Amino acid sequence: MSVLCLIANPNEPALDLPLLQRIQAETGGEINWLTQRIAAEIVKPKLAEPVEAARALIGDRPVDIALVPLANRRKRLLIADMDSTMIEQECIDELADAVGLKAEVADITARAMNGELDFEAALRTRVKLLTGLPISRMEEVRRERITFAPGGRALVQTMKTHGAFTSLVSGGFTYFADYIGKRIGFDEAMANILEIEGDALAGTVTEPILGREAKLSRLRTLAAFHDIPMAATLAVGDGANDLDMIKAAGLGVALHAKAVVAAQAQVKIDYGDLTALLYLQGYADEDIVR
């Protein structure tokens, strides 16, 4: 049995009852509002391909659509990417801007996230370009340039309140991940370590690099340690280095993701914010810890 989820961005409510009734008439099932005008679900649709039918009726409205199983719906483990997922920036691009190399570094970042470049090699190349960046400038970047993605704290705090373990696993850097993980409320944070000489970056990163395989490994390790079946895990990210964990999780979500990731993920969220991951699990507005 399954449930058809319809989710809009909280800043652009795009759902209404007439639309839901038209979809229900086509798909069958029972309408249930999670948050008025923002999130709703059609429980146990009878149509074989309800997503396609709903998409045809929604047209160009900014509404995400997903079909998820009812079994193991509320997940007990969340593993999340950081850059362009839990925060709105790519930290390494912002560091590069501080040394006047943002365009060059951002191009490498984009290609790596699209799966066009080897992630580890691309990271070493970009970090080398940051050689000599003062730690004081890194602090400025963290304080002035980094913004949290909407809905992130609600996602983490709600899942923790309902007993889930939450892990921030980033191909970025501990300097940012440790701080951001604590601010949002993750149970743990893992990332790469930038090596330092004196009071500036050495242009190297501690090996082994935390990349695609390490993210998948952490998902499996945490699930085993906490005795959580993979069906009860949730992974979210946007780049090619997130794809293995997204595909392995019980619910894998591509959030505002690169095309190569969105095409292979179980669920893609193009319009909603991080609270969409709560609605996918059946949390209603009154359940969300804000």
Protein backbone atom coordinates (compact mmCIF):
# COMPACT_ATOMS: atom_id res chain seq x y z
CA MET A 1 0.00 0.00 0.00
CA SER A 2 1.16 3.51 -0.76
CA VAL A 3 0.39 7.18 -0.34
CA LEU A 4 0.57 9.94 -2.93
CA CYS A 5 2.18 13.07 -1.49
CA LEU A 6 1.56 16.56 -2.88
CA ILE A 7 3.85 19.25 -1.46
CA ALA A 8 4.30 22.96 -2.17
CA ASN A 9 6.82 25.45 -0.84
CA PRO A 10 5.54 27.09 2.38
CA ASN A 11 6.36 30.48 0.84
CA GLU A 12 4.22 29.72 -2.20
CA PRO A 13 1.13 27.73 -1.14
CA ALA A 14 -0.20 26.20 -4.33
CA LEU A 15 -2.62 23.49 -3.22
CA ASP A 16 -6.37 23.80 -2.90
CA LEU A 17 -9.26 21.43 -2.34
CA PRO A 18 -10.67 21.56 -5.90
CA LEU A 19 -7.30 20.44 -7.27
CA LEU A 20 -7.05 17.61 -4.75
CA GLN A 21 -10.58 16.50 -5.56
CA ARG A 22 -9.76 16.37 -9.27
CA ILE A 23 -6.69 14.26 -8.55
CA GLN A 24 -8.64 11.99 -6.21
CA ALA A 25 -11.32 11.48 -8.85
CA GLU A 26 -8.60 10.25 -11.20
CA THR A 27 -6.51 8.19 -8.77
CA GLY A 28 -8.94 7.04 -6.11
CA GLY A 29 -7.92 6.96 -2.45
CA GLU A 30 -8.62 9.23 0.51
CA ILE A 31 -7.61 12.89 0.83
CA ASN A 32 -5.79 13.93 3.99
CA TRP A 33 -4.47 17.46 4.58
CA LEU A 34 -1.12 17.69 6.38
CA THR A 35 -0.85 21.49 6.21
CA GLN A 36 -3.55 23.52 4.51
CA ARG A 37 -2.51 24.73 1.02
CA ILE A 38 1.04 23.40 1.48
CA ALA A 39 0.96 19.62 1.90
CA ALA A 40 -1.62 16.91 1.41
CA GLU A 41 -1.73 13.22 0.69
CA ILE A 42 -4.00 10.76 -1.05
CA VAL A 43 -3.90 7.55 0.93
CA LYS A 44 -4.07 4.20 -0.90
CA PRO A 45 -4.60 5.47 -4.46
CA LYS A 46 -6.06 2.76 -6.67
CA LEU A 47 -4.64 3.92 -10.01
CA ALA A 48 -1.56 2.02 -11.14
CA GLU A 49 0.41 5.20 -12.05
CA PRO A 50 -0.97 7.94 -9.78
CA VAL A 51 2.10 10.21 -10.04
CA GLU A 52 1.71 10.66 -13.77
CA ALA A 53 -2.02 11.29 -13.43
CA ALA A 54 -1.49 13.87 -10.69
CA ARG A 55 1.27 15.63 -12.62
CA ALA A 56 -0.97 16.00 -15.65
CA LEU A 57 -3.66 17.65 -13.53
CA ILE A 58 -1.26 19.88 -11.59
CA GLY A 59 0.26 21.29 -14.77
CA ASP A 60 2.67 24.14 -14.12
CA ARG A 61 1.75 24.70 -10.48
CA PRO A 62 4.88 24.57 -8.24
CA VAL A 63 3.93 21.34 -6.51
CA ASP A 64 6.13 18.30 -5.86
CA ILE A 65 4.62 14.84 -6.24
CA ALA A 66 5.85 11.58 -4.75
CA LEU A 67 4.51 8.08 -4.18
CA VAL A 68 5.85 6.50 -0.98
CA PRO A 69 5.08 3.22 0.79
CA LEU A 70 2.92 3.31 3.91
CA ALA A 71 5.12 0.70 5.60
CA ASN A 72 8.08 2.11 7.59
CA ARG A 73 6.90 5.57 6.66
CA ARG A 74 8.37 7.45 9.61
CA LYS A 75 12.10 7.02 9.38
CA ARG A 76 14.39 6.30 12.32
CA LEU A 77 17.64 7.49 10.74
CA LEU A 78 18.32 10.71 8.81
CA ILE A 79 21.59 11.17 6.95
CA ALA A 80 21.96 14.51 5.20
CA ASP A 81 24.40 16.31 2.95
CA MET A 82 25.39 19.84 4.01
CA ASP A 83 26.33 22.13 1.12
CA SER A 84 23.34 23.19 -1.02
CA THR A 85 21.17 20.89 1.13
CA MET A 86 21.18 21.90 4.81
CA ILE A 87 22.78 25.23 3.90
CA GLU A 88 22.18 27.32 0.81
CA GLN A 89 25.80 27.68 -0.30
CA GLU A 90 28.80 25.58 -1.34
CA CYS A 91 31.31 26.48 1.38
CA ILE A 92 34.35 25.92 -0.81
CA ASP A 93 33.02 28.35 -3.42
CA GLU A 94 32.57 31.01 -0.76
CA LEU A 95 36.12 30.42 0.52
CA ALA A 96 37.39 30.77 -3.03
CA ASP A 97 35.58 34.08 -3.35
CA ALA A 98 37.71 35.34 -0.45
CA VAL A 99 40.84 34.80 -2.59
CA GLY A 100 39.28 36.02 -5.85
CA LEU A 101 38.89 32.57 -7.42
CA LYS A 102 35.17 31.88 -7.04
CA ALA A 103 34.38 31.51 -10.73
CA GLU A 104 37.17 28.98 -11.27
CA VAL A 105 36.37 26.95 -8.16
CA ALA A 106 32.59 27.12 -8.62
CA ASP A 107 32.97 25.68 -12.12
CA ILE A 108 34.89 22.70 -10.74
CA THR A 109 32.33 22.29 -7.95
CA ALA A 110 29.43 22.27 -10.39
CA ARG A 111 31.11 19.69 -12.62
CA ALA A 112 31.94 17.47 -9.64
CA MET A 113 28.38 17.68 -8.31
CA ASN A 114 27.07 16.78 -11.78
CA GLY A 115 29.24 13.66 -11.77
CA GLU A 116 31.49 14.94 -14.56
CA LEU A 117 34.65 14.87 -12.41
CA ASP A 118 36.09 12.50 -9.82
CA PHE A 119 35.01 13.99 -6.49
CA GLU A 120 38.22 13.34 -4.57
CA ALA A 121 40.50 14.70 -7.30
CA ALA A 122 38.27 17.74 -7.75
CA LEU A 123 38.36 18.44 -4.02
CA ARG A 124 42.16 18.28 -3.89
CA THR A 125 42.38 20.67 -6.86
CA ARG A 126 40.04 23.19 -5.28
CA VAL A 127 41.65 23.03 -1.84
CA LYS A 128 45.08 23.64 -3.37
CA LEU A 129 43.75 26.89 -4.83
CA LEU A 130 42.93 28.02 -1.29
CA THR A 131 46.56 27.80 -0.11
CA GLY A 132 47.41 30.69 2.21
CA LEU A 133 43.82 31.68 3.02
CA PRO A 134 43.93 33.05 6.59
CA ILE A 135 41.81 31.26 9.19
CA SER A 136 40.36 34.66 10.08
CA ARG A 137 38.89 34.91 6.58
CA MET A 138 37.33 31.46 6.97
CA GLU A 139 35.65 32.70 10.12
CA GLU A 140 34.28 35.70 8.22
CA VAL A 141 32.90 33.43 5.51
CA ARG A 142 31.20 31.19 8.05
CA ARG A 143 29.72 34.15 9.90
CA GLU A 144 28.71 36.35 6.96
CA ARG A 145 28.18 34.13 3.91
CA ILE A 146 26.53 30.92 5.13
CA THR A 147 22.76 30.70 5.50
CA PHE A 148 20.67 27.77 6.66
CA ALA A 149 18.28 26.16 4.20
CA PRO A 150 14.62 26.73 5.14
CA GLY A 151 13.02 23.93 7.10
CA GLY A 152 16.27 22.26 8.15
CA ARG A 153 15.99 22.77 11.87
CA ALA A 154 12.33 21.70 11.82
CA LEU A 155 13.28 18.53 9.94
CA VAL A 156 16.03 17.55 12.37
CA GLN A 157 14.25 18.53 15.59
CA THR A 158 10.99 16.84 14.58
CA MET A 159 12.68 13.58 13.65
CA LYS A 160 14.76 13.62 16.85
CA THR A 161 11.65 14.29 18.93
CA HIS A 162 10.14 11.14 17.42
CA GLY A 163 13.20 9.04 18.17
CA ALA A 164 15.33 9.25 15.02
CA PHE A 165 19.12 9.53 14.93
CA THR A 166 20.38 12.35 12.71
CA SER A 167 23.73 12.56 10.93
CA LEU A 168 25.24 15.40 8.89
CA VAL A 169 27.72 13.81 6.47
CA SER A 170 29.48 16.30 4.23
CA GLY A 171 32.05 16.21 1.48
CA GLY A 172 32.86 19.72 2.71
CA PHE A 173 34.84 20.65 5.79
CA THR A 174 34.65 20.09 9.53
CA TYR A 175 35.21 23.82 10.11
CA PHE A 176 31.70 24.37 8.78
CA ALA A 177 30.02 21.02 9.44
CA ASP A 178 30.78 20.93 13.18
CA TYR A 179 29.34 24.41 13.66
CA ILE A 180 26.32 23.93 11.39
CA GLY A 181 25.55 20.48 12.80
CA LYS A 182 25.38 21.90 16.33
CA ARG A 183 23.30 24.90 15.28
CA ILE A 184 20.71 22.78 13.51
CA GLY A 185 20.79 20.04 16.15
CA PHE A 186 22.26 16.99 14.41
CA ASP A 187 23.41 14.14 16.65
CA GLU A 188 26.72 13.99 14.77
CA ALA A 189 28.62 15.70 11.97
CA MET A 190 31.32 14.29 9.71
CA ALA A 191 33.34 16.06 7.00
CA ASN A 192 36.82 16.54 5.57
CA ILE A 193 39.60 18.22 7.52
CA LEU A 194 41.42 21.20 6.01
CA GLU A 195 45.09 21.14 6.94
CA ILE A 196 46.60 24.30 8.44
CA GLU A 197 50.08 25.80 8.50
CA GLY A 198 50.47 28.59 11.01
CA ASP A 199 47.33 30.70 10.75
CA ALA A 200 46.43 29.86 7.15
CA LEU A 201 45.31 26.96 4.97
CA ALA A 202 48.07 24.64 3.79
CA GLY A 203 46.26 23.84 0.55
CA THR A 204 45.76 20.17 1.45
CA VAL A 205 43.05 18.02 3.00
CA THR A 206 43.53 15.12 5.38
CA GLU A 207 43.28 11.70 3.71
CA PRO A 208 41.20 9.67 3.23
CA ILE A 209 38.71 12.08 1.71
CA LEU A 210 35.10 11.73 2.79
CA GLY A 211 33.29 11.27 -0.51
CA ARG A 212 30.62 9.19 -2.18
CA GLU A 213 31.65 5.81 -0.75
CA ALA A 214 32.12 7.19 2.76
CA LYS A 215 28.61 8.63 2.81
CA LEU A 216 27.11 5.29 1.83
CA SER A 217 29.30 3.53 4.39
CA ARG A 218 28.14 5.86 7.16
CA LEU A 219 24.49 5.20 6.29
CA ARG A 220 25.03 1.45 6.52
CA THR A 221 27.14 1.67 9.67
CA LEU A 222 24.63 3.82 11.52
CA ALA A 223 21.71 1.62 10.46
CA ALA A 224 23.51 -1.46 11.72
CA PHE A 225 24.69 0.15 14.97
CA HIS A 226 21.22 1.45 15.86
CA ASP A 227 19.51 -1.75 14.63
CA ILE A 228 17.48 0.17 12.06
CA PRO A 229 16.34 -1.61 8.88
CA MET A 230 17.34 0.16 5.68
CA ALA A 231 13.63 0.59 4.91
CA ALA A 232 13.46 2.94 7.92
CA THR A 233 16.31 5.22 6.78
CA LEU A 234 16.20 8.56 4.98
CA ALA A 235 19.00 10.16 2.96
CA VAL A 236 18.93 13.60 1.33
CA GLY A 237 21.37 15.46 -0.89
CA ASP A 238 21.83 17.30 -4.16
CA GLY A 239 25.09 16.19 -5.77
CA ALA A 240 26.57 13.15 -7.47
CA ASN A 241 28.56 12.30 -4.34
CA ASP A 242 25.23 11.85 -2.52
CA LEU A 243 23.75 9.46 -5.05
CA ASP A 244 24.88 6.15 -3.55
CA MET A 245 23.41 6.90 -0.11
CA ILE A 246 20.24 8.30 -1.71
CA LYS A 247 19.75 5.12 -3.73
CA ALA A 248 20.49 2.84 -0.76
CA ALA A 249 18.22 4.51 1.81
CA GLY A 250 14.67 3.42 2.43
CA LEU A 251 13.64 6.90 1.32
CA GLY A 252 16.18 8.71 -0.86
CA VAL A 253 15.44 12.34 -1.66
CA ALA A 254 17.10 14.57 -4.24
CA LEU A 255 16.52 18.10 -2.93
CA HIS A 256 16.81 20.87 -5.52
CA ALA A 257 19.33 18.52 -7.03
CA LYS A 258 21.55 18.25 -10.07
CA ALA A 259 19.85 16.53 -13.01
CA VAL A 260 21.93 13.34 -12.73
CA VAL A 261 20.81 12.94 -9.11
CA ALA A 262 17.16 13.87 -9.60
CA ALA A 263 16.87 11.35 -12.43
CA GLN A 264 17.95 8.44 -10.22
CA ALA A 265 16.48 9.29 -6.81
CA GLN A 266 13.30 7.69 -5.51
CA VAL A 267 11.88 11.13 -4.78
CA LYS A 268 12.84 14.56 -6.04
CA ILE A 269 11.82 17.81 -4.39
CA ASP A 270 12.08 20.74 -6.76
CA TYR A 271 9.83 23.30 -5.04
CA GLY A 272 9.42 22.46 -1.36
CA ASP A 273 11.90 23.19 1.41
CA LEU A 274 13.31 20.69 3.90
CA THR A 275 9.95 20.34 5.67
CA ALA A 276 8.91 18.40 2.55
CA LEU A 277 10.86 15.48 4.00
CA LEU A 278 8.56 15.54 7.02
CA TYR A 279 5.44 15.58 4.88
CA LEU A 280 6.79 12.60 2.92
CA GLN A 281 6.85 10.76 6.25
CA GLY A 282 3.27 11.72 7.09
CA TYR A 283 3.99 14.40 9.68
CA ALA A 284 1.20 16.98 9.90
CA ASP A 285 1.61 20.64 10.78
CA GLU A 286 0.82 20.05 14.44
CA ASP A 287 3.56 17.38 14.65
CA ILE A 288 6.37 19.62 13.43
CA VAL A 289 8.81 21.04 15.99
CA ARG A 290 9.64 24.56 14.86
